[in-house]
Protein backbone atom coordinates (compact mmCIF):
# COMPACT_ATOMS: atom_id res chain seq x y z
CA UNK A 1 186.16 -190.37 -35.70
CA UNK A 2 185.07 -186.99 -36.68
CA UNK A 3 183.28 -184.62 -38.22
CA UNK A 4 183.66 -181.62 -40.37
CA UNK A 5 181.95 -178.23 -41.66
CA UNK A 6 178.84 -178.48 -43.62
CA UNK A 7 180.93 -176.08 -46.44
CA UNK A 8 183.18 -178.83 -47.10
CA UNK A 9 180.58 -181.92 -47.34
CA UNK A 10 178.34 -179.51 -49.90
CA UNK A 11 181.08 -179.83 -52.01
CA UNK A 12 180.86 -183.56 -52.18
CA UNK A 13 177.55 -184.53 -54.73
CA UNK A 14 179.01 -182.08 -56.35
CA UNK A 15 182.33 -183.58 -57.63
CA UNK A 16 183.50 -186.46 -54.95
CA UNK A 17 187.09 -186.31 -56.45
CA UNK A 18 187.09 -182.01 -55.24
CA UNK A 19 185.23 -183.75 -51.58
CA UNK A 20 188.39 -186.42 -50.81
CA UNK A 21 191.15 -183.96 -52.04
CA UNK A 22 189.86 -180.87 -49.69
CA UNK A 23 188.67 -183.48 -45.85
CA UNK A 24 192.95 -184.60 -47.10
CA UNK A 25 194.32 -181.61 -46.54
CA UNK A 26 191.89 -180.41 -44.21
CA UNK A 27 193.50 -183.29 -41.90
CA UNK A 28 196.90 -182.48 -42.81
CA UNK A 29 196.81 -179.30 -41.86
CA UNK A 30 194.22 -179.67 -38.51
CA UNK A 31 195.29 -183.42 -37.61
CA UNK A 32 198.26 -184.41 -39.05
CA UNK A 33 199.68 -188.15 -38.71
CA UNK A 34 195.70 -189.07 -39.17
CA UNK A 35 194.54 -190.70 -42.90
CA UNK A 36 191.60 -189.90 -43.38
CA UNK A 37 189.54 -193.32 -43.61
CA UNK A 38 185.87 -193.22 -45.04
CA UNK A 39 183.50 -190.69 -45.06
CA UNK A 40 179.58 -191.30 -43.41
CA UNK A 41 177.58 -188.31 -43.50
CA UNK A 42 178.18 -186.71 -40.85
CA UNK A 43 181.12 -188.57 -39.65
CA UNK A 44 184.68 -188.30 -40.95
CA UNK A 45 186.14 -191.90 -39.70
CA UNK A 46 189.56 -191.63 -39.62
CA UNK A 47 192.83 -193.51 -38.17
CA UNK A 48 195.73 -192.30 -36.17
CA UNK A 49 198.98 -193.10 -37.64
CA UNK A 50 202.18 -190.72 -35.92
CA UNK A 51 202.36 -193.98 -34.09
CA UNK A 52 202.26 -193.59 -30.79
CA UNK A 53 200.78 -196.60 -29.31
CA UNK A 54 203.16 -198.96 -31.72
């Protein structure tokens, strides 16, 4: 689990696709190797895909 800023959450009701794109871009920069699974306010559920524990 992780969290994002209220600025990103404010995008969700206005434009769902823009919200998804912004969240994926955020995690690509801030947490490389993690994939966004789903969003349920206030949490973003992510999956570690770095392959460290395989």
